[in-house]
Protein backbone atom coordinates (compact mmCIF):
# COMPACT_ATOMS: atom_id res chain seq x y z
CA MET A 1 20.78 5.50 46.42
CA GLY A 2 19.29 2.28 47.70
CA ASP A 3 15.78 3.68 47.26
CA THR A 4 16.48 4.35 43.57
CA VAL A 5 17.64 0.78 42.99
CA GLU A 6 14.59 -0.63 44.76
CA GLU A 7 12.32 1.64 42.69
CA ASP A 8 13.98 0.49 39.46
CA GLU A 9 13.66 -3.14 40.48
CA SER A 10 10.00 -2.70 41.44
CA GLU A 11 9.25 -1.38 37.94
CA LYS A 12 10.60 -4.54 36.34
CA VAL A 13 8.90 -7.90 35.90
CA GLU A 14 10.18 -11.36 35.05
CA ILE A 15 8.71 -12.89 31.91
CA ILE A 16 9.08 -16.40 30.49
CA LEU A 17 10.39 -16.72 26.95
CA LYS A 18 9.30 -19.81 25.04
CA THR A 19 11.31 -19.98 21.84
CA ILE A 20 9.90 -22.21 19.11
CA GLY A 21 12.46 -24.94 18.54
CA PRO A 22 14.77 -27.08 20.64
CA ALA A 23 15.79 -24.21 22.94
CA PRO A 24 14.43 -24.56 26.53
CA PRO A 25 12.28 -21.79 28.07
CA SER A 26 14.21 -18.94 29.65
CA ARG A 27 13.44 -16.00 31.91
CA LEU A 28 14.16 -12.33 31.36
CA ARG A 29 13.66 -9.25 33.53
CA VAL A 30 12.25 -6.33 31.59
CA PRO A 31 10.37 -3.09 32.41
CA SER A 32 6.68 -3.70 32.99
CA PHE A 33 5.72 -0.95 30.51
CA ILE A 34 7.88 -1.08 27.40
CA LYS A 35 7.88 -0.43 23.68
CA VAL A 36 7.56 -3.54 21.53
CA ARG A 37 10.65 -2.55 19.51
CA ASP A 38 12.69 -2.25 22.73
CA LEU A 39 11.39 -5.59 23.99
CA ARG A 40 12.30 -7.22 20.68
CA ARG A 41 15.80 -5.76 20.91
CA LEU A 42 16.29 -7.05 24.48
CA ILE A 43 15.11 -10.56 23.56
CA ALA A 44 17.29 -10.65 20.44
CA SER A 45 20.42 -9.59 22.35
CA ASN A 46 19.69 -11.94 25.26
CA GLY A 47 19.25 -15.02 23.06
CA HIS A 48 21.60 -13.99 20.22
CA LEU A 49 18.70 -14.10 17.77
CA PRO A 50 18.29 -12.19 14.47
CA ILE A 51 16.12 -9.20 15.31
CA ASP A 52 14.85 -8.75 11.74
CA ASN A 53 13.29 -12.23 11.67
CA LEU A 54 11.99 -12.18 15.25
CA SER A 55 8.25 -12.44 15.86
CA LEU A 56 6.74 -12.07 19.34
CA ILE A 57 3.38 -13.43 20.45
CA LEU A 58 1.76 -12.34 23.73
CA ARG A 59 -1.57 -13.75 24.92
CA GLY A 60 -2.27 -15.12 21.44
CA THR A 61 -1.62 -11.83 19.63
CA ALA A 62 1.38 -11.07 17.41
CA LEU A 63 3.05 -7.86 18.55
CA SER A 64 3.75 -5.06 16.07
CA ASP A 65 6.37 -2.37 16.54
CA ILE A 66 4.30 0.41 14.97
CA ARG A 67 0.57 1.02 14.70
CA ASN A 68 -0.97 4.06 13.01
CA GLY A 69 2.51 5.53 12.68
CA ASP A 70 3.19 5.44 16.46
CA ASP A 71 5.34 3.11 18.57
CA VAL A 72 3.33 0.38 20.29
CA HIS A 73 3.67 0.01 24.08
CA ILE A 74 2.60 -3.05 26.06
CA GLN A 75 1.96 -3.68 29.76
CA LEU A 76 3.67 -6.83 31.06
CA ASN A 77 2.90 -8.67 34.29
CA ASP A 78 5.21 -10.79 36.36
CA GLY A 79 5.21 -14.36 35.02
CA ASP A 80 3.80 -13.54 31.57
CA SER A 81 4.72 -16.06 28.87
CA LEU A 82 5.99 -14.69 25.58
CA ILE A 83 6.30 -16.94 22.53
CA VAL A 84 9.37 -16.14 20.45
CA VAL A 85 9.39 -17.23 16.81
CA VAL A 86 12.38 -16.91 14.50
CA LYS A 87 10.93 -16.69 11.01
CA PRO A 88 12.96 -18.62 8.41
CA LYS A 89 14.42 -16.72 5.52
CA PRO A 90 12.46 -17.15 2.25
CA PRO A 91 14.08 -19.51 -0.25
CA VAL A 92 16.07 -17.94 -3.03
CA LYS A 93 14.24 -18.15 -6.35
CA ASP A 94 15.92 -18.65 -9.70
CA GLY A 95 13.91 -15.92 -11.43
CA HIS A 96 13.04 -12.50 -10.13
CA GLU A 97 9.95 -11.84 -12.23
CA ASN A 98 7.53 -13.29 -9.69
CA ASP A 99 9.20 -11.35 -6.87
CA ASP A 100 8.83 -8.13 -8.83
CA ASP A 101 5.18 -8.86 -9.53
CA ASP A 102 4.48 -9.56 -5.84
CA GLU A 103 6.21 -6.33 -4.81
CA ASP A 104 4.16 -4.36 -7.32
CA LEU A 105 0.93 -5.73 -5.85
CA LYS A 106 1.91 -4.84 -2.27
CA PHE A 107 0.88 -1.32 -1.33
CA GLN A 108 2.78 0.59 1.33
CA LEU A 109 1.61 3.98 2.54
CA PRO A 110 4.42 6.59 2.28
CA GLN A 111 5.98 7.60 5.60
CA SER A 112 5.25 11.26 4.82
CA SER A 113 1.48 10.60 4.82
CA SER A 114 -0.69 12.46 7.33
CA ARG A 115 -1.80 10.85 10.59
CA TRP A 116 -5.43 10.45 9.51
CA LYS A 117 -4.31 8.60 6.36
CA LYS A 118 -2.17 6.24 8.44
CA ARG A 119 -5.08 5.55 10.79
CA LEU A 120 -7.45 4.94 7.87
CA TYR A 121 -4.91 2.65 6.20
CA SER A 122 -4.41 0.69 9.42
CA PHE A 123 -8.19 0.30 9.87
CA LEU A 124 -8.79 -0.85 6.29
CA HIS A 125 -5.74 -3.09 6.09
CA ASP A 126 -5.65 -4.61 9.59
CA LYS A 127 -9.31 -4.61 10.64
CA LEU A 128 -11.28 -4.93 7.39
CA LYS A 129 -8.54 -6.88 5.54
CA PHE A 130 -8.85 -4.86 2.33
CA PRO A 131 -6.69 -6.28 -0.51
CA ASP A 132 -3.61 -4.29 -1.53
CA ILE A 133 -4.93 -3.56 -5.01
CA LEU A 134 -8.03 -1.91 -3.50
CA LEU A 135 -5.94 0.06 -0.99
CA MET A 136 -3.75 1.24 -3.86
CA LEU A 137 -6.84 2.50 -5.69
CA ILE A 138 -8.22 4.25 -2.60
CA PHE A 139 -5.05 6.09 -1.58
CA THR A 140 -3.73 7.02 -5.03
CA LEU A 141 -6.87 8.80 -6.24
CA SER A 142 -6.90 12.55 -5.70
CA LEU A 143 -9.56 14.41 -3.74
CA LYS A 144 -10.96 15.82 -7.00
CA ALA A 145 -11.35 12.30 -8.40
CA TRP A 146 -13.20 11.14 -5.27
CA ILE A 147 -15.55 14.15 -5.49
CA LEU A 148 -16.34 13.33 -9.13
CA ILE A 149 -16.94 9.65 -8.31
CA THR A 150 -19.24 10.60 -5.42
CA MET A 151 -21.20 13.01 -7.61
CA TRP A 152 -21.52 10.33 -10.31
CA PHE A 153 -23.10 7.89 -7.85
CA ILE A 154 -25.39 10.62 -6.50
CA LEU A 155 -26.62 11.60 -9.97
CA ALA A 156 -26.97 8.04 -11.28
CA PRO A 157 -30.28 7.30 -9.42
CA VAL A 158 -31.64 10.68 -10.63
CA ALA A 159 -30.84 9.78 -14.25
CA HIS A 160 -32.46 6.36 -13.77
CA ARG A 161 -35.60 7.94 -12.29
CA TRP A 162 -35.94 10.20 -15.34
CA ASP A 163 -35.30 7.28 -17.75
CA LEU A 164 -31.98 8.79 -18.81
CA GLY A 165 -29.81 5.85 -17.75
CA PRO A 166 -28.44 4.97 -21.24
CA LEU A 167 -27.80 8.63 -22.06
CA TYR A 168 -26.08 9.10 -18.66
CA MET A 169 -23.77 6.13 -19.31
CA LEU A 170 -23.04 7.37 -22.84
CA ALA A 171 -22.18 10.84 -21.54
CA THR A 172 -19.94 9.24 -18.89
CA GLY A 173 -18.05 7.35 -21.58
CA PHE A 174 -17.56 10.50 -23.67
CA CYS A 175 -16.32 12.42 -20.62
CA LEU A 176 -13.81 9.69 -19.76
CA ILE A 177 -12.47 9.76 -23.32
CA LEU A 178 -12.37 13.56 -23.42
CA PHE A 179 -10.57 14.02 -20.09
CA ASN A 180 -8.01 11.31 -20.93
CA LEU A 181 -6.97 12.69 -24.31
CA GLY A 182 -4.10 14.59 -22.73
CA LYS A 183 -2.64 17.90 -23.82
CA ARG A 184 -0.31 18.48 -26.76
CA LYS A 185 2.65 20.80 -26.47
CA ALA A 186 2.91 23.86 -28.70
CA GLY A 187 3.98 22.82 -32.19
CA ASP A 188 3.03 19.16 -31.80
CA SER A 189 0.68 17.61 -34.34
CA SER A 190 -1.99 15.04 -33.73
CA ALA A 191 -1.97 11.68 -35.50
CA TYR A 192 -5.50 12.55 -36.66
CA SER A 193 -5.48 15.33 -39.24
CA ILE A 194 -8.94 16.52 -38.21
CA PHE A 195 -7.43 17.89 -34.98
CA ASN A 196 -4.62 19.76 -36.77
CA GLU A 197 -4.68 23.23 -38.25
CA ASP A 198 -5.76 23.20 -41.92
CA PHE A 199 -6.26 19.42 -41.50
CA ARG A 200 -2.52 18.96 -41.90
CA GLU A 201 -1.40 15.32 -41.99
CA LEU A 202 1.71 13.86 -40.43
CA PRO A 203 4.57 13.06 -42.85
CA GLY A 204 4.29 9.53 -44.19
CA THR A 205 0.56 9.19 -43.54
CA LEU A 206 -0.99 6.77 -46.03
CA ASN A 207 -4.54 7.57 -47.08
CA ALA A 208 -6.72 7.12 -50.17
CA ASP A 209 -5.51 10.31 -51.88
CA ARG A 210 -1.84 9.51 -51.38
CA LEU A 211 -2.40 5.91 -52.48
CA ASP A 212 -4.16 7.16 -55.65
CA ARG A 213 -1.29 9.54 -56.43
CA HIS A 214 1.26 6.74 -56.02
CA ILE A 215 -0.70 4.48 -58.36
CA ARG A 216 -1.07 7.21 -61.01
CA ALA A 217 2.66 8.00 -60.74
CA GLY A 218 3.47 4.34 -61.27
CA GLN A 219 5.18 3.95 -57.93
CA PHE A 220 3.33 0.66 -57.26
């Protein structure tokens, strides 16, 4: 029994907590190898601090609970200093329009995403500092769309070499318009009579013939 206690104690280290503010430094015994989320929970309960607004800094690096979809573990040594920062709550704004706009511009990868997508997102967002609007564009496009974009860039130099650049751009514009027309349900009529059977117009459409008939009938 005594051996088990000694083994448990040998696996723990004493770290120094330096909380930003008037609070004096304190010491806390924790496991030497621990998850960041568990360490945050221990520090919050020990100092009666709000865990949601708690930020931890070790050796000049802010600690994150999750990276690439996995829990982050850290190795602590005896005597390590950990800076504890309690982030203030954001001020309450009178209007909510700006908050909604900011939330719309922030892109978050869905939790159901595959592991390779999470790793790619972490690399682009954390390492390369890609803006959220660009990340949104990258991860919302389908594989088919990326294949078409890649083929367009591959064929563009070929068209330029054969002096077909303007025609290539014109064809690209027509394709974009054609593929974005959408599909009508059965029985629906287009606003343009040329696309309807027998060139049938929508009720209430005002054209030159109808205007002429109204004038001849004395309705104007």
